[in-house]
Protein backbone atom coordinates (compact mmCIF):
# COMPACT_ATOMS: atom_id res chain seq x y z
CA MET A 1 0.21 0.36 -0.04
CA PRO A 2 1.90 3.47 -1.23
CA VAL A 3 2.32 5.37 1.82
CA ALA A 4 3.48 9.58 0.85
CA SER A 5 6.46 10.62 2.79
CA LYS A 6 7.22 13.83 4.79
CA ALA A 7 9.68 14.28 1.77
CA ASP A 8 7.05 13.41 -1.03
CA ALA A 9 4.66 16.10 1.07
CA GLN A 10 7.04 18.65 1.16
CA ARG A 11 8.13 18.26 -2.47
CA LEU A 12 4.37 19.16 -2.99
CA ARG A 13 4.31 22.05 -0.97
CA ILE A 14 6.89 23.47 -2.65
CA THR A 15 5.63 22.55 -5.93
CA LEU A 16 2.19 24.90 -5.05
CA ARG A 17 4.54 27.19 -3.68
CA GLY A 18 6.45 28.16 -6.99
CA ALA A 19 7.15 25.73 -9.42
CA VAL A 20 4.03 24.99 -10.48
CA GLN A 21 2.94 25.80 -13.88
CA GLY A 22 -0.38 24.02 -14.58
CA VAL A 23 -2.46 24.24 -11.58
CA GLY A 24 -6.21 24.66 -12.33
CA ALA A 25 -8.32 26.44 -10.07
CA SER A 26 -11.59 24.51 -10.87
CA GLY A 27 -10.19 21.29 -11.19
CA SER A 28 -10.88 19.58 -8.20
CA ALA A 29 -13.60 18.22 -6.30
CA ARG A 30 -15.63 17.48 -3.18
CA LEU A 31 -17.14 14.79 -4.24
CA SER A 32 -19.28 14.06 -1.50
CA ILE A 33 -21.08 16.76 -2.10
CA VAL A 34 -22.03 16.00 -5.49
CA LEU A 35 -23.42 12.58 -4.37
CA GLU A 36 -25.51 14.23 -2.06
CA ALA A 37 -26.92 16.50 -4.10
CA LEU A 38 -27.94 13.54 -6.52
CA LEU A 39 -29.24 11.55 -3.99
CA SER A 40 -31.40 14.35 -2.30
CA CYS A 41 -33.55 14.84 -5.54
CA ASP A 42 -36.85 14.09 -5.08
CA HIS A 43 -36.33 12.11 -8.23
CA CYS A 44 -33.38 9.90 -7.86
CA VAL A 45 -33.04 6.64 -8.83
CA VAL A 46 -29.61 5.55 -8.08
CA GLN A 47 -29.09 2.40 -6.56
CA GLY A 48 -25.12 2.71 -6.20
CA PHE A 49 -21.82 4.08 -6.33
CA LEU A 50 -18.83 3.34 -7.53
CA ALA A 51 -16.32 6.26 -5.44
CA ALA A 52 -13.51 7.23 -8.02
CA GLY A 53 -10.19 5.59 -6.65
CA HIS A 54 -7.84 7.92 -8.00
CA ALA A 55 -9.70 11.04 -5.79
CA CYS A 56 -10.30 8.39 -2.55
CA THR A 57 -6.03 7.75 -2.88
CA VAL A 58 -5.86 11.41 -1.52
CA MET A 59 -9.17 12.11 -0.26
CA GLY A 60 -10.05 8.81 1.52
CA PHE A 61 -13.73 7.48 1.60
CA GLU A 62 -14.47 8.52 5.31
CA GLU A 63 -17.10 10.90 4.13
CA TYR A 64 -18.93 8.25 2.31
CA PHE A 65 -19.97 6.40 5.25
CA PRO A 66 -22.92 9.07 6.35
CA LEU A 67 -23.71 9.28 2.97
CA ALA A 68 -24.42 5.25 2.49
CA LYS A 69 -26.36 5.25 5.95
CA LYS A 70 -28.58 8.17 5.28
CA TYR A 71 -29.61 7.11 1.88
CA GLN A 72 -29.22 3.36 2.25
CA VAL A 73 -27.01 3.14 -0.81
CA PRO A 74 -23.82 0.66 -1.44
CA ILE A 75 -20.70 3.01 -2.29
CA VAL A 76 -17.83 0.94 -3.16
CA VAL A 77 -14.46 2.57 -4.24
CA THR A 78 -12.61 1.22 -7.43
CA GLY A 79 -10.00 1.41 -9.33
CA PHE A 80 -9.46 2.29 -13.27
CA GLU A 81 -8.39 -1.39 -14.59
CA PRO A 82 -11.47 -3.62 -16.05
CA LEU A 83 -10.91 -6.23 -13.71
CA GLU A 84 -11.35 -3.86 -11.04
CA ILE A 85 -14.67 -2.25 -12.11
CA LEU A 86 -15.98 -5.80 -12.65
CA GLU A 87 -14.92 -6.16 -9.52
CA GLY A 88 -16.59 -2.93 -7.82
CA ILE A 89 -20.00 -3.68 -9.90
CA HIS A 90 -19.96 -7.16 -8.80
CA MET A 91 -19.53 -5.77 -4.47
CA THR A 92 -22.46 -2.88 -5.22
CA VAL A 93 -24.94 -5.49 -6.34
CA ALA A 94 -23.98 -8.33 -4.31
CA GLN A 95 -24.63 -5.72 -1.54
CA LEU A 96 -28.09 -4.57 -2.87
CA GLU A 97 -28.91 -8.53 -3.33
CA LYS A 98 -28.19 -8.83 0.43
CA GLY A 99 -30.28 -5.41 1.39
CA ARG A 100 -26.75 -4.10 2.73
CA HIS A 101 -25.85 -0.14 2.28
CA GLU A 102 -22.14 0.13 3.24
CA VAL A 103 -18.99 1.77 2.11
CA GLU A 104 -16.41 -1.33 0.44
CA ASN A 105 -13.05 -0.59 -0.83
CA GLN A 106 -11.98 -2.99 -3.53
CA TYR A 107 -9.13 -1.14 -4.34
CA THR A 108 -7.05 -1.97 -1.64
CA ARG A 109 -3.60 -1.77 -2.65
CA ALA A 110 -3.85 1.95 -3.60
CA VAL A 111 -6.88 3.84 -0.78
CA ARG A 112 -7.19 3.62 2.71
CA ARG A 113 -10.06 4.49 4.66
CA GLU A 114 -8.54 8.29 6.17
CA GLY A 115 -6.47 8.61 2.63
CA ASN A 116 -3.34 10.23 2.47
CA ARG A 117 -3.00 12.91 4.89
CA PRO A 118 0.40 14.80 3.79
CA ALA A 119 -1.33 15.59 1.20
CA GLN A 120 -4.88 16.70 2.24
CA GLN A 121 -2.60 18.96 4.44
CA THR A 122 -0.97 20.59 1.69
CA ILE A 123 -4.79 20.65 -0.28
CA THR A 124 -5.84 22.70 2.45
CA GLU A 125 -3.09 25.19 2.09
CA ALA A 126 -3.28 25.56 -1.48
CA PHE A 127 -6.87 25.54 -1.80
CA GLU A 128 -10.17 26.68 -0.40
CA ILE A 129 -13.78 25.76 -0.96
CA ALA A 130 -15.99 27.02 -3.74
CA PRO A 131 -19.10 26.40 -5.45
CA ARG A 132 -18.50 24.39 -9.14
CA GLN A 133 -20.20 24.12 -11.96
CA TRP A 134 -21.67 20.36 -12.89
CA ARG A 135 -21.99 19.20 -16.55
CA GLY A 136 -26.03 18.42 -16.40
CA LEU A 137 -26.54 19.58 -12.49
CA GLY A 138 -25.72 23.15 -12.93
CA GLU A 139 -23.60 25.15 -9.94
CA ILE A 140 -23.34 22.90 -6.33
CA PRO A 141 -21.86 24.95 -3.47
CA ALA A 142 -19.29 23.74 -1.46
CA SER A 143 -18.87 21.04 -4.46
CA GLY A 144 -15.24 22.28 -5.68
CA PHE A 145 -11.78 24.02 -4.58
CA GLN A 146 -10.14 26.67 -5.89
CA LEU A 147 -6.51 28.24 -5.39
CA ARG A 148 -6.47 30.28 -2.23
CA ARG A 149 -5.45 34.26 -2.92
CA ARG A 150 -1.88 33.76 -2.49
CA PHE A 151 -1.53 30.68 -5.25
CA GLN A 152 -3.80 32.02 -8.15
CA LYS A 153 -0.48 33.83 -10.08
CA TYR A 154 0.12 29.89 -10.80
CA ASP A 155 -3.43 29.36 -12.13
CA ARG A 156 -2.96 27.82 -15.59
CA THR A 157 -6.78 28.29 -16.47
CA GLY A 158 -6.89 32.38 -15.74
CA ALA A 159 -10.55 31.22 -13.90
CA SER A 160 -9.16 33.40 -11.02
CA ARG A 161 -8.20 36.50 -12.85
CA PHE A 162 -11.14 35.97 -15.37
CA ARG A 163 -14.82 35.88 -13.77
CA ALA A 164 -17.15 36.43 -16.76
CA SER A 165 -20.78 35.43 -16.22
CA ALA A 166 -22.55 35.13 -19.45
CA LYS A 167 -26.51 34.62 -19.92
CA VAL A 168 -27.72 32.77 -22.33
CA SER A 169 -30.83 32.67 -23.79
CA ASN A 170 -32.13 29.63 -25.81
CA SER A 171 -34.42 31.95 -28.29
CA ASN A 172 -33.52 31.83 -31.49
CA HIS A 173 -31.17 29.39 -31.26
CA ARG A 174 -30.66 25.62 -32.96
CA PHE A 175 -28.46 22.94 -31.62
């Protein structure tokens, strides 16, 4: 199971402080907030989730336990290899068949329940919670991260420099 060393965390901090030329202000997400938004919709028919292993490698999966309990939905952390995805689907379906709604980790070779604490600390230092636009869902408050002011000069997307807002009317448009 990979574990980041203090030296790795320090290198990441140094990268965030000075050498970053490709950090995007809108690239990170707080996925449990998005799942909560989906599950709380009146018309939600989602019966289970495969949680993204790459995100859980850093953030862990502790935040999913209250969601699984509250909405009685299985959540399985999976990797991205075909067999990992299939096993994640199998684990989710097995929970549904048994009437269970728990959080399980299929991706044990890379993900720990608590995630990577040094990386989380670095994220906390570099980013702050912000609203985020989601394709098909619109803006969900507190579902993303944006660079803290002192790191905005490294924002390759320009999102922190250009806060343009456009209203588009659907009249007279052909898609």
